[in-house]
Amino acid sequence: MSSNLIYQFRITLEDIEPLIWRQIQVPSNYSFWDLHVAIQDSMGWLDCHLHEFKIWKADDEKAFRIGFPDPDGFFEVAAGWEVPISDYFTESGSTVRYSYDFGDSWDHNVILEEILTKDPDLKYPRCIAGERACPPEDCGGVPGYYELLTALKSPRSKKGQLSIEWLKGHVKNYHPYKSEHFDPAKVEFWDPAERLRIALGE
């Protein structure tokens, strides 16, 4: 696959309304690890939990899993840095599921919208659109997220005060948490190779 091509993806966080979504463009020679890092950075996750991509083939009942291999894990997981995204994203409309944090269970629908020609005047990866802030890490999945939003509507209540203190004391200070706010221009992307070295403890 030519590195002069760009993949445009739409990533949507499942089971939440109104939708939380991002639109990103990445080089076609990315690996699934590289795509993972771009999804984390554009969504606003902190990459402090396990993740995996699940791909289903029409003739296979089991999903092919790509992520961070765990020799003691229940499922066989291919190393994301060894699998090119071009192996599976072959045409517009191709879709995979991306799961992050197996405790809170954040599931994302990742769809390839377009295959474009690289613009030499632009830097990739880039986030070109999106709506609404990512949920805070470790907030308890979809149910916990909704409970948090409800509590924040009554900031003077005991639950509201506890939620605010939790947001302030988080490893990332989320206070004030503005659930409706997202600015694609402020997304900063890590170097995937650097992130991998950190993940591997090198």
N, C-alpha and C. Protein backbone atom coordinates (compact mmCIF):
# COMPACT_ATOMS: atom_id res chain seq x y z
N MET A 1 0.84 -1.18 0.00
CA MET A 1 0.00 0.00 0.00
C MET A 1 0.88 1.24 0.00
N SER A 2 0.63 2.15 -0.91
CA SER A 2 1.44 3.35 -1.03
C SER A 2 1.30 4.24 0.19
N SER A 3 2.46 4.75 0.67
CA SER A 3 2.43 5.66 1.80
C SER A 3 1.95 7.04 1.40
N ASN A 4 1.68 7.25 0.09
CA ASN A 4 1.13 8.52 -0.37
C ASN A 4 -0.39 8.57 -0.17
N LEU A 5 -0.94 7.51 0.37
CA LEU A 5 -2.37 7.47 0.61
C LEU A 5 -2.68 7.75 2.07
N ILE A 6 -3.85 8.31 2.31
CA ILE A 6 -4.31 8.65 3.65
C ILE A 6 -5.66 7.98 3.90
N TYR A 7 -5.79 7.40 5.08
CA TYR A 7 -7.06 6.80 5.48
C TYR A 7 -7.81 7.77 6.38
N GLN A 8 -9.05 8.04 6.04
CA GLN A 8 -9.90 8.88 6.89
C GLN A 8 -10.88 8.00 7.64
N PHE A 9 -10.81 8.05 8.97
CA PHE A 9 -11.65 7.23 9.82
C PHE A 9 -12.63 8.08 10.61
N ARG A 10 -13.76 7.48 10.91
CA ARG A 10 -14.71 8.05 11.87
C ARG A 10 -14.78 7.08 13.04
N ILE A 11 -14.52 7.58 14.22
CA ILE A 11 -14.54 6.77 15.44
C ILE A 11 -15.70 7.25 16.31
N THR A 12 -16.59 6.33 16.65
CA THR A 12 -17.76 6.68 17.46
C THR A 12 -17.78 5.83 18.72
N LEU A 13 -17.90 6.47 19.87
CA LEU A 13 -18.03 5.74 21.12
C LEU A 13 -19.44 5.18 21.23
N GLU A 14 -19.55 3.88 21.43
CA GLU A 14 -20.85 3.22 21.40
C GLU A 14 -21.62 3.41 22.72
N ASP A 15 -22.94 3.31 22.60
CA ASP A 15 -23.87 3.26 23.74
C ASP A 15 -24.01 4.58 24.48
N ILE A 16 -23.60 5.69 23.87
CA ILE A 16 -23.74 7.00 24.51
C ILE A 16 -24.46 7.95 23.56
N GLU A 17 -25.43 8.66 24.09
CA GLU A 17 -26.16 9.70 23.35
C GLU A 17 -26.16 10.98 24.18
N PRO A 18 -25.97 12.15 23.57
CA PRO A 18 -25.61 12.39 22.17
C PRO A 18 -24.24 11.78 21.85
N LEU A 19 -23.98 11.57 20.59
CA LEU A 19 -22.79 10.86 20.17
C LEU A 19 -21.50 11.59 20.55
N ILE A 20 -20.51 10.80 20.92
CA ILE A 20 -19.13 11.27 21.08
C ILE A 20 -18.34 10.65 19.94
N TRP A 21 -17.80 11.48 19.06
CA TRP A 21 -17.16 10.93 17.87
C TRP A 21 -15.98 11.80 17.44
N ARG A 22 -15.09 11.19 16.63
CA ARG A 22 -13.95 11.88 16.08
C ARG A 22 -13.77 11.47 14.62
N GLN A 23 -13.22 12.37 13.84
CA GLN A 23 -12.86 12.08 12.45
C GLN A 23 -11.36 12.37 12.31
N ILE A 24 -10.60 11.35 11.95
CA ILE A 24 -9.15 11.50 11.88
C ILE A 24 -8.63 11.02 10.54
N GLN A 25 -7.46 11.51 10.17
CA GLN A 25 -6.77 11.08 8.96
C GLN A 25 -5.38 10.60 9.35
N VAL A 26 -5.02 9.39 8.87
CA VAL A 26 -3.73 8.79 9.21
C VAL A 26 -3.10 8.20 7.96
N PRO A 27 -1.77 8.06 7.94
CA PRO A 27 -1.10 7.44 6.79
C PRO A 27 -1.55 6.00 6.59
N SER A 28 -1.64 5.58 5.34
CA SER A 28 -2.11 4.23 5.04
C SER A 28 -1.11 3.16 5.46
N ASN A 29 0.15 3.54 5.72
CA ASN A 29 1.15 2.55 6.13
C ASN A 29 1.21 2.39 7.65
N TYR A 30 0.22 2.91 8.34
CA TYR A 30 0.13 2.73 9.79
C TYR A 30 -0.09 1.27 10.15
N SER A 31 0.40 0.90 11.32
CA SER A 31 0.04 -0.39 11.92
C SER A 31 -1.18 -0.17 12.82
N PHE A 32 -1.72 -1.27 13.33
CA PHE A 32 -2.85 -1.14 14.25
C PHE A 32 -2.41 -0.48 15.56
N TRP A 33 -1.16 -0.65 15.95
CA TRP A 33 -0.66 0.07 17.12
C TRP A 33 -0.69 1.58 16.86
N ASP A 34 -0.21 1.98 15.70
CA ASP A 34 -0.22 3.40 15.35
C ASP A 34 -1.64 3.96 15.36
N LEU A 35 -2.58 3.18 14.81
CA LEU A 35 -3.98 3.61 14.80
C LEU A 35 -4.53 3.71 16.22
N HIS A 36 -4.16 2.74 17.06
CA HIS A 36 -4.56 2.78 18.48
C HIS A 36 -4.13 4.09 19.13
N VAL A 37 -2.88 4.48 18.92
CA VAL A 37 -2.37 5.71 19.52
C VAL A 37 -3.14 6.92 18.99
N ALA A 38 -3.42 6.94 17.70
CA ALA A 38 -4.16 8.06 17.11
C ALA A 38 -5.58 8.13 17.67
N ILE A 39 -6.22 6.98 17.88
CA ILE A 39 -7.56 6.97 18.46
C ILE A 39 -7.52 7.48 19.90
N GLN A 40 -6.55 6.98 20.68
CA GLN A 40 -6.42 7.44 22.06
C GLN A 40 -6.25 8.95 22.14
N ASP A 41 -5.35 9.48 21.32
CA ASP A 41 -5.04 10.91 21.38
C ASP A 41 -6.20 11.77 20.90
N SER A 42 -6.89 11.33 19.87
CA SER A 42 -8.00 12.13 19.34
C SER A 42 -9.21 12.07 20.25
N MET A 43 -9.46 10.90 20.85
CA MET A 43 -10.60 10.78 21.76
C MET A 43 -10.35 11.52 23.07
N GLY A 44 -9.11 11.44 23.54
CA GLY A 44 -8.78 12.05 24.83
C GLY A 44 -8.53 11.03 25.93
N TRP A 45 -8.44 9.75 25.57
CA TRP A 45 -8.09 8.71 26.54
C TRP A 45 -6.62 8.87 26.94
N LEU A 46 -6.25 8.27 28.08
CA LEU A 46 -4.89 8.40 28.60
C LEU A 46 -4.03 7.18 28.33
N ASP A 47 -4.56 6.17 27.65
CA ASP A 47 -3.80 4.96 27.29
C ASP A 47 -3.19 4.29 28.52
N CYS A 48 -3.97 4.17 29.57
CA CYS A 48 -3.47 3.54 30.79
C CYS A 48 -4.15 2.20 31.07
N HIS A 49 -4.87 1.67 30.07
CA HIS A 49 -5.53 0.37 30.18
C HIS A 49 -5.28 -0.42 28.90
N LEU A 50 -5.61 -1.70 28.94
CA LEU A 50 -5.46 -2.55 27.76
C LEU A 50 -6.49 -2.17 26.69
N HIS A 51 -6.19 -2.58 25.47
CA HIS A 51 -7.08 -2.31 24.35
C HIS A 51 -7.01 -3.48 23.39
N GLU A 52 -7.97 -3.54 22.47
CA GLU A 52 -7.89 -4.50 21.38
C GLU A 52 -8.84 -4.09 20.25
N PHE A 53 -8.45 -4.48 19.05
CA PHE A 53 -9.31 -4.37 17.89
C PHE A 53 -9.90 -5.75 17.63
N LYS A 54 -11.17 -5.80 17.26
CA LYS A 54 -11.81 -7.07 16.90
C LYS A 54 -12.27 -6.99 15.46
N ILE A 55 -11.88 -8.00 14.69
CA ILE A 55 -12.24 -8.05 13.27
C ILE A 55 -12.92 -9.37 13.00
N TRP A 56 -14.08 -9.29 12.39
CA TRP A 56 -14.82 -10.51 12.02
C TRP A 56 -14.77 -10.69 10.51
N LYS A 57 -14.45 -11.90 10.09
CA LYS A 57 -14.53 -12.25 8.67
C LYS A 57 -15.83 -12.99 8.42
N ALA A 58 -16.34 -12.88 7.22
CA ALA A 58 -17.65 -13.45 6.89
C ALA A 58 -17.68 -14.96 7.12
N ASP A 59 -16.56 -15.62 6.92
CA ASP A 59 -16.54 -17.09 7.02
C ASP A 59 -15.98 -17.58 8.34
N ASP A 60 -15.85 -16.70 9.33
CA ASP A 60 -15.24 -17.08 10.60
C ASP A 60 -16.12 -16.61 11.75
N GLU A 61 -16.47 -17.54 12.66
CA GLU A 61 -17.33 -17.19 13.78
C GLU A 61 -16.56 -16.44 14.88
N LYS A 62 -15.25 -16.62 14.94
CA LYS A 62 -14.45 -15.98 15.97
C LYS A 62 -13.82 -14.69 15.44
N ALA A 63 -13.71 -13.72 16.31
CA ALA A 63 -13.08 -12.45 15.94
C ALA A 63 -11.56 -12.61 15.98
N PHE A 64 -10.90 -11.98 15.04
CA PHE A 64 -9.44 -11.88 15.06
C PHE A 64 -9.10 -10.67 15.93
N ARG A 65 -8.29 -10.88 16.96
CA ARG A 65 -8.01 -9.84 17.94
C ARG A 65 -6.60 -9.29 17.74
N ILE A 66 -6.52 -7.98 17.76
CA ILE A 66 -5.24 -7.27 17.59
C ILE A 66 -5.09 -6.29 18.73
N GLY A 67 -3.92 -6.30 19.37
CA GLY A 67 -3.72 -5.36 20.47
C GLY A 67 -2.37 -5.55 21.12
N PHE A 68 -2.39 -5.74 22.44
CA PHE A 68 -1.17 -5.95 23.21
C PHE A 68 -1.18 -7.39 23.71
N PRO A 69 -0.33 -8.26 23.16
CA PRO A 69 -0.38 -9.68 23.51
C PRO A 69 -0.17 -9.93 25.00
N ASP A 70 -0.95 -10.85 25.54
CA ASP A 70 -0.83 -11.27 26.93
C ASP A 70 -0.68 -12.79 26.93
N PRO A 71 0.54 -13.29 27.22
CA PRO A 71 0.75 -14.74 27.17
C PRO A 71 -0.13 -15.51 28.14
N ASP A 72 -0.61 -14.85 29.18
CA ASP A 72 -1.47 -15.50 30.16
C ASP A 72 -2.94 -15.19 29.92
N GLY A 73 -3.25 -14.51 28.82
CA GLY A 73 -4.62 -14.11 28.54
C GLY A 73 -5.46 -15.27 28.03
N PHE A 74 -6.77 -15.06 28.08
CA PHE A 74 -7.71 -16.10 27.66
C PHE A 74 -7.77 -16.22 26.14
N PHE A 75 -7.57 -15.06 25.44
CA PHE A 75 -7.64 -15.05 23.99
C PHE A 75 -6.26 -14.80 23.38
N GLU A 76 -6.07 -15.32 22.19
CA GLU A 76 -4.85 -15.03 21.44
C GLU A 76 -5.00 -13.66 20.79
N VAL A 77 -4.03 -12.80 21.03
CA VAL A 77 -4.08 -11.43 20.52
C VAL A 77 -2.81 -11.14 19.72
N ALA A 78 -2.98 -10.75 18.46
CA ALA A 78 -1.84 -10.41 17.62
C ALA A 78 -1.28 -9.05 18.03
N ALA A 79 0.04 -8.90 17.96
CA ALA A 79 0.68 -7.64 18.33
C ALA A 79 0.31 -6.56 17.31
N GLY A 80 -0.27 -5.47 17.80
CA GLY A 80 -0.75 -4.42 16.91
C GLY A 80 0.33 -3.81 16.06
N TRP A 81 1.55 -3.74 16.57
CA TRP A 81 2.65 -3.12 15.82
C TRP A 81 3.16 -4.01 14.70
N GLU A 82 2.68 -5.24 14.64
CA GLU A 82 3.09 -6.16 13.58
C GLU A 82 2.05 -6.31 12.47
N VAL A 83 0.88 -5.67 12.64
CA VAL A 83 -0.21 -5.85 11.68
C VAL A 83 -0.53 -4.52 11.00
N PRO A 84 -0.31 -4.41 9.69
CA PRO A 84 -0.64 -3.17 8.98
C PRO A 84 -2.15 -2.98 8.88
N ILE A 85 -2.62 -1.75 9.03
CA ILE A 85 -4.06 -1.51 8.90
C ILE A 85 -4.53 -1.80 7.48
N SER A 86 -3.62 -1.68 6.51
CA SER A 86 -4.00 -1.92 5.11
C SER A 86 -4.35 -3.39 4.84
N ASP A 87 -3.98 -4.29 5.78
CA ASP A 87 -4.35 -5.70 5.62
C ASP A 87 -5.86 -5.89 5.76
N TYR A 88 -6.52 -5.00 6.49
CA TYR A 88 -7.94 -5.18 6.78
C TYR A 88 -8.81 -4.04 6.28
N PHE A 89 -8.27 -2.85 6.26
CA PHE A 89 -9.02 -1.73 5.71
C PHE A 89 -8.69 -1.61 4.23
N THR A 90 -9.45 -2.32 3.43
CA THR A 90 -9.15 -2.41 2.00
C THR A 90 -10.06 -1.55 1.14
N GLU A 91 -11.19 -1.09 1.70
CA GLU A 91 -12.11 -0.27 0.93
C GLU A 91 -12.96 0.57 1.88
N SER A 92 -13.50 1.65 1.36
CA SER A 92 -14.36 2.51 2.15
C SER A 92 -15.53 1.71 2.72
N GLY A 93 -15.86 1.95 3.96
CA GLY A 93 -16.94 1.21 4.61
C GLY A 93 -16.44 0.08 5.48
N SER A 94 -15.15 -0.27 5.39
CA SER A 94 -14.60 -1.32 6.24
C SER A 94 -14.68 -0.88 7.70
N THR A 95 -15.07 -1.81 8.58
CA THR A 95 -15.32 -1.46 9.97
C THR A 95 -14.67 -2.46 10.91
N VAL A 96 -14.15 -1.97 12.03
CA VAL A 96 -13.69 -2.83 13.12
C VAL A 96 -14.21 -2.26 14.43
N ARG A 97 -14.19 -3.09 15.47
CA ARG A 97 -14.53 -2.61 16.81
C ARG A 97 -13.23 -2.43 17.59
N TYR A 98 -13.15 -1.30 18.26
CA TYR A 98 -11.99 -1.00 19.10
C TYR A 98 -12.47 -0.90 20.53
N SER A 99 -11.92 -1.73 21.41
CA SER A 99 -12.30 -1.73 22.82
C SER A 99 -11.14 -1.24 23.67
N TYR A 100 -11.48 -0.43 24.66
CA TYR A 100 -10.46 0.14 25.54
C TYR A 100 -10.94 0.03 26.98
N ASP A 101 -10.03 -0.38 27.85
CA ASP A 101 -10.31 -0.54 29.29
C ASP A 101 -11.36 -1.62 29.50
N PHE A 102 -10.91 -2.84 29.72
CA PHE A 102 -11.82 -3.97 29.80
C PHE A 102 -12.64 -3.98 31.09
N GLY A 103 -12.33 -3.05 32.00
CA GLY A 103 -13.16 -2.90 33.20
C GLY A 103 -14.34 -1.98 32.92
N ASP A 104 -14.04 -0.77 32.44
CA ASP A 104 -15.11 0.17 32.09
C ASP A 104 -15.76 -0.18 30.76
N SER A 105 -15.06 -0.92 29.93
CA SER A 105 -15.61 -1.43 28.66
C SER A 105 -16.08 -0.32 27.72
N TRP A 106 -15.12 0.46 27.24
CA TRP A 106 -15.43 1.48 26.25
C TRP A 106 -15.27 0.88 24.86
N ASP A 107 -16.36 0.74 24.14
CA ASP A 107 -16.33 0.17 22.80
C ASP A 107 -16.54 1.27 21.77
N HIS A 108 -15.75 1.20 20.71
CA HIS A 108 -15.79 2.20 19.65
C HIS A 108 -16.03 1.52 18.30
N ASN A 109 -16.82 2.16 17.49
CA ASN A 109 -16.98 1.72 16.10
C ASN A 109 -16.00 2.53 15.24
N VAL A 110 -15.14 1.83 14.53
CA VAL A 110 -14.13 2.48 13.69
C VAL A 110 -14.42 2.14 12.24
N ILE A 111 -14.77 3.15 11.46
CA ILE A 111 -15.13 2.93 10.06
C ILE A 111 -14.22 3.73 9.14
N LEU A 112 -13.73 3.07 8.10
CA LEU A 112 -12.93 3.75 7.09
C LEU A 112 -13.88 4.50 6.16
N GLU A 113 -13.83 5.83 6.19
CA GLU A 113 -14.74 6.63 5.39
C GLU A 113 -14.22 6.83 3.97
N GLU A 114 -12.93 7.16 3.85
CA GLU A 114 -12.37 7.46 2.54
C GLU A 114 -10.89 7.10 2.49
N ILE A 115 -10.41 6.82 1.29
CA ILE A 115 -8.97 6.69 1.03
C ILE A 115 -8.59 7.87 0.15
N LEU A 116 -7.69 8.71 0.67
CA LEU A 116 -7.36 9.97 0.03
C LEU A 116 -5.90 10.00 -0.39
N THR A 117 -5.55 10.96 -1.21
CA THR A 117 -4.16 11.22 -1.56
C THR A 117 -3.57 12.19 -0.56
N LYS A 118 -2.37 11.91 -0.09
CA LYS A 118 -1.72 12.76 0.91
C LYS A 118 -1.51 14.17 0.37
N ASP A 119 -1.83 15.14 1.21
CA ASP A 119 -1.58 16.54 0.88
C ASP A 119 -0.21 16.90 1.45
N PRO A 120 0.77 17.25 0.62
CA PRO A 120 2.12 17.53 1.11
C PRO A 120 2.19 18.73 2.05
N ASP A 121 1.16 19.55 2.07
CA ASP A 121 1.16 20.73 2.93
C ASP A 121 0.56 20.45 4.31
N LEU A 122 0.09 19.23 4.53
CA LEU A 122 -0.53 18.89 5.80
C LEU A 122 0.33 17.89 6.57
N LYS A 123 0.18 17.91 7.89
CA LYS A 123 0.89 16.97 8.75
C LYS A 123 -0.08 15.91 9.25
N TYR A 124 0.33 14.65 9.16
CA TYR A 124 -0.52 13.54 9.59
C TYR A 124 0.16 12.79 10.73
N PRO A 125 -0.64 12.21 11.64
CA PRO A 125 -2.11 12.16 11.68
C PRO A 125 -2.68 13.51 12.03
N ARG A 126 -3.97 13.67 11.74
CA ARG A 126 -4.66 14.91 12.09
C ARG A 126 -6.11 14.60 12.44
N CYS A 127 -6.66 15.38 13.34
CA CYS A 127 -8.07 15.28 13.70
C CYS A 127 -8.78 16.44 13.02
N ILE A 128 -9.78 16.14 12.22
CA ILE A 128 -10.42 17.19 11.43
C ILE A 128 -11.82 17.53 11.92
N ALA A 129 -12.39 16.68 12.77
CA ALA A 129 -13.74 16.97 13.27
C ALA A 129 -14.04 16.06 14.46
N GLY A 130 -15.12 16.39 15.15
CA GLY A 130 -15.55 15.59 16.28
C GLY A 130 -16.53 16.37 17.12
N GLU A 131 -17.16 15.67 18.06
CA GLU A 131 -18.11 16.32 18.95
C GLU A 131 -18.03 15.70 20.34
N ARG A 132 -18.11 16.55 21.34
CA ARG A 132 -18.25 16.22 22.75
C ARG A 132 -16.98 15.62 23.35
N ALA A 133 -16.78 15.93 24.61
CA ALA A 133 -15.59 15.49 25.33
C ALA A 133 -15.64 13.99 25.61
N CYS A 134 -14.47 13.40 25.67
CA CYS A 134 -14.33 12.00 26.06
C CYS A 134 -14.71 11.85 27.54
N PRO A 135 -15.35 10.75 27.92
CA PRO A 135 -15.62 10.54 29.35
C PRO A 135 -14.32 10.50 30.15
N PRO A 136 -14.35 10.90 31.42
CA PRO A 136 -13.16 10.78 32.25
C PRO A 136 -12.75 9.31 32.43
N GLU A 137 -11.45 9.07 32.44
CA GLU A 137 -10.96 7.71 32.69
C GLU A 137 -11.49 7.20 34.04
N ASP A 138 -11.79 5.90 34.07
CA ASP A 138 -12.16 5.20 35.31
C ASP A 138 -13.42 5.73 35.97
N CYS A 139 -14.34 6.29 35.16
CA CYS A 139 -15.58 6.82 35.74
C CYS A 139 -16.65 5.76 35.91
N GLY A 140 -16.36 4.52 35.49
CA GLY A 140 -17.32 3.44 35.70
C GLY A 140 -18.09 3.04 34.46
N GLY A 141 -17.49 3.26 33.29
CA GLY A 141 -18.16 2.87 32.05
C GLY A 141 -19.35 3.75 31.76
N VAL A 142 -20.22 3.28 30.85
CA VAL A 142 -21.37 4.08 30.43
C VAL A 142 -22.29 4.43 31.60
N PRO A 143 -22.66 3.46 32.49
CA PRO A 143 -23.53 3.83 33.62
C PRO A 143 -22.88 4.87 34.53
N GLY A 144 -21.61 4.72 34.83
CA GLY A 144 -20.91 5.67 35.69
C GLY A 144 -20.80 7.04 35.05
N TYR A 145 -20.63 7.06 33.74
CA TYR A 145 -20.56 8.33 33.01
C TYR A 145 -21.87 9.10 33.14
N TYR A 146 -22.98 8.41 32.93
CA TYR A 146 -24.28 9.07 33.05
C TYR A 146 -24.54 9.53 34.49
N GLU A 147 -24.13 8.73 35.48
CA GLU A 147 -24.29 9.13 36.88
C GLU A 147 -23.47 10.38 37.18
N LEU A 148 -22.26 10.45 36.61
CA LEU A 148 -21.40 11.61 36.81
C LEU A 148 -22.04 12.87 36.23
N LEU A 149 -22.56 12.76 35.01
CA LEU A 149 -23.20 13.92 34.38
C LEU A 149 -24.40 14.40 35.20
N THR A 150 -25.17 13.45 35.73
CA THR A 150 -26.33 13.81 36.56
C THR A 150 -25.87 14.52 37.83
N ALA A 151 -24.82 14.01 38.47
CA ALA A 151 -24.32 14.61 39.70
C ALA A 151 -23.80 16.02 39.46
N LEU A 152 -23.15 16.24 38.33
CA LEU A 152 -22.57 17.55 38.04
C LEU A 152 -23.64 18.60 37.75
N LYS A 153 -24.86 18.17 37.46
CA LYS A 153 -25.96 19.12 37.26
C LYS A 153 -26.40 19.75 38.57
N SER A 154 -26.02 19.10 39.69
CA SER A 154 -26.34 19.63 41.03
C SER A 154 -25.05 19.76 41.82
N PRO A 155 -24.20 20.72 41.43
CA PRO A 155 -22.86 20.82 42.02
C PRO A 155 -22.83 21.08 43.52
N ARG A 156 -23.93 21.59 44.09
CA ARG A 156 -23.95 21.87 45.53
C ARG A 156 -24.44 20.68 46.35
N SER A 157 -24.95 19.67 45.66
CA SER A 157 -25.40 18.47 46.37
C SER A 157 -24.18 17.67 46.84
N LYS A 158 -24.41 16.74 47.77
CA LYS A 158 -23.31 15.92 48.28
C LYS A 158 -22.67 15.10 47.15
N LYS A 159 -23.53 14.53 46.29
CA LYS A 159 -23.01 13.73 45.18
C LYS A 159 -22.25 14.61 44.20
N GLY A 160 -22.77 15.81 43.97
CA GLY A 160 -22.09 16.73 43.07
C GLY A 160 -20.74 17.14 43.60
N GLN A 161 -20.65 17.44 44.91
CA GLN A 161 -19.38 17.82 45.52
C GLN A 161 -18.36 16.68 45.47
N LEU A 162 -18.84 15.46 45.75
CA LEU A 162 -17.95 14.29 45.69
C LEU A 162 -17.43 14.08 44.27
N SER A 163 -18.30 14.28 43.29
CA SER A 163 -17.90 14.11 41.89
C SER A 163 -16.86 15.15 41.49
N ILE A 164 -17.06 16.39 41.94
CA ILE A 164 -16.11 17.45 41.62
C ILE A 164 -14.74 17.16 42.25
N GLU A 165 -14.75 16.72 43.50
CA GLU A 165 -13.49 16.39 44.17
C GLU A 165 -12.78 15.24 43.47
N TRP A 166 -13.57 14.26 43.02
CA TRP A 166 -12.99 13.12 42.29
C TRP A 166 -12.35 13.60 40.99
N LEU A 167 -13.04 14.47 40.28
CA LEU A 167 -12.50 15.00 39.02
C LEU A 167 -11.21 15.78 39.26
N LYS A 168 -11.18 16.56 40.34
CA LYS A 168 -9.98 17.34 40.66
C LYS A 168 -8.81 16.44 41.05
N GLY A 169 -9.11 15.35 41.77
CA GLY A 169 -8.06 14.48 42.28
C GLY A 169 -7.63 13.39 41.32
N HIS A 170 -8.23 13.37 40.14
CA HIS A 170 -7.89 12.36 39.14
C HIS A 170 -6.46 12.55 38.66
N VAL A 171 -5.85 11.49 38.14
CA VAL A 171 -4.50 11.59 37.59
C VAL A 171 -4.44 12.69 36.52
N LYS A 172 -5.56 12.91 35.84
CA LYS A 172 -5.71 14.08 34.98
C LYS A 172 -6.80 14.93 35.61
N ASN A 173 -6.49 16.16 35.92
CA ASN A 173 -7.48 17.05 36.53
C ASN A 173 -8.56 17.36 35.50
N TYR A 174 -9.74 16.76 35.69
CA TYR A 174 -10.83 16.94 34.73
C TYR A 174 -11.75 18.10 35.10
N HIS A 175 -11.47 18.79 36.19
CA HIS A 175 -12.39 19.85 36.62
C HIS A 175 -11.95 21.21 36.10
N PRO A 176 -12.82 22.01 35.52
CA PRO A 176 -14.24 21.70 35.28
C PRO A 176 -14.40 20.80 34.06
N TYR A 177 -15.27 19.81 34.20
CA TYR A 177 -15.52 18.87 33.10
C TYR A 177 -16.63 19.41 32.22
N LYS A 178 -16.29 19.71 30.97
CA LYS A 178 -17.26 20.27 30.02
C LYS A 178 -17.60 19.20 28.99
N SER A 179 -18.65 18.46 29.27
CA SER A 179 -18.98 17.28 28.45
C SER A 179 -19.31 17.63 27.01
N GLU A 180 -19.77 18.83 26.75
CA GLU A 180 -20.18 19.21 25.40
C GLU A 180 -19.04 19.80 24.57
N HIS A 181 -17.89 20.00 25.18
CA HIS A 181 -16.81 20.72 24.50
C HIS A 181 -15.80 19.79 23.85
N PHE A 182 -15.48 20.06 22.59
CA PHE A 182 -14.37 19.39 21.92
C PHE A 182 -13.86 20.30 20.81
N ASP A 183 -12.53 20.47 20.75
CA ASP A 183 -11.90 21.29 19.72
C ASP A 183 -10.86 20.45 18.99
N PRO A 184 -11.14 20.02 17.75
CA PRO A 184 -10.19 19.18 17.03
C PRO A 184 -8.83 19.85 16.83
N ALA A 185 -8.81 21.17 16.80
CA ALA A 185 -7.54 21.88 16.58
C ALA A 185 -6.59 21.72 17.76
N LYS A 186 -7.11 21.32 18.92
CA LYS A 186 -6.26 21.19 20.11
C LYS A 186 -5.77 19.77 20.35
N VAL A 187 -6.11 18.85 19.46
CA VAL A 187 -5.64 17.47 19.60
C VAL A 187 -4.15 17.41 19.30
N GLU A 188 -3.40 16.79 20.19
CA GLU A 188 -1.97 16.58 19.99
C GLU A 188 -1.70 15.09 19.90
N PHE A 189 -0.96 14.70 18.88
CA PHE A 189 -0.69 13.28 18.64
C PHE A 189 0.72 12.92 19.09
N TRP A 190 0.81 11.81 19.82
CA TRP A 190 2.11 11.26 20.22
C TRP A 190 2.76 10.56 19.03
N ASP A 191 4.06 10.39 19.13
CA ASP A 191 4.80 9.52 18.21
C ASP A 191 4.50 8.08 18.62
N PRO A 192 3.86 7.27 17.75
CA PRO A 192 3.51 5.89 18.14
C PRO A 192 4.72 5.05 18.53
N ALA A 193 5.87 5.28 17.88
CA ALA A 193 7.07 4.52 18.21
C ALA A 193 7.54 4.82 19.63
N GLU A 194 7.44 6.08 20.03
CA GLU A 194 7.82 6.46 21.39
C GLU A 194 6.86 5.84 22.40
N ARG A 195 5.57 5.88 22.08
CA ARG A 195 4.56 5.28 22.97
C ARG A 195 4.80 3.79 23.11
N LEU A 196 5.21 3.13 22.04
CA LEU A 196 5.45 1.69 22.10
C LEU A 196 6.66 1.38 22.97
N ARG A 197 7.71 2.18 22.86
CA ARG A 197 8.89 1.96 23.69
C ARG A 197 8.53 2.06 25.18
N ILE A 198 7.69 3.03 25.50
CA ILE A 198 7.24 3.19 26.88
C ILE A 198 6.41 1.97 27.32
N ALA A 199 5.50 1.54 26.44
CA ALA A 199 4.63 0.40 26.77
C ALA A 199 5.42 -0.88 26.97
N LEU A 200 6.50 -1.03 26.21
CA LEU A 200 7.33 -2.23 26.31
C LEU A 200 8.40 -2.11 27.40
N GLY A 201 8.47 -0.95 28.04
CA GLY A 201 9.44 -0.74 29.11
C GLY A 201 10.86 -0.62 28.64
N GLU A 202 11.02 -0.12 27.41
CA GLU A 202 12.38 0.01 26.85
C GLU A 202 12.97 1.39 27.16
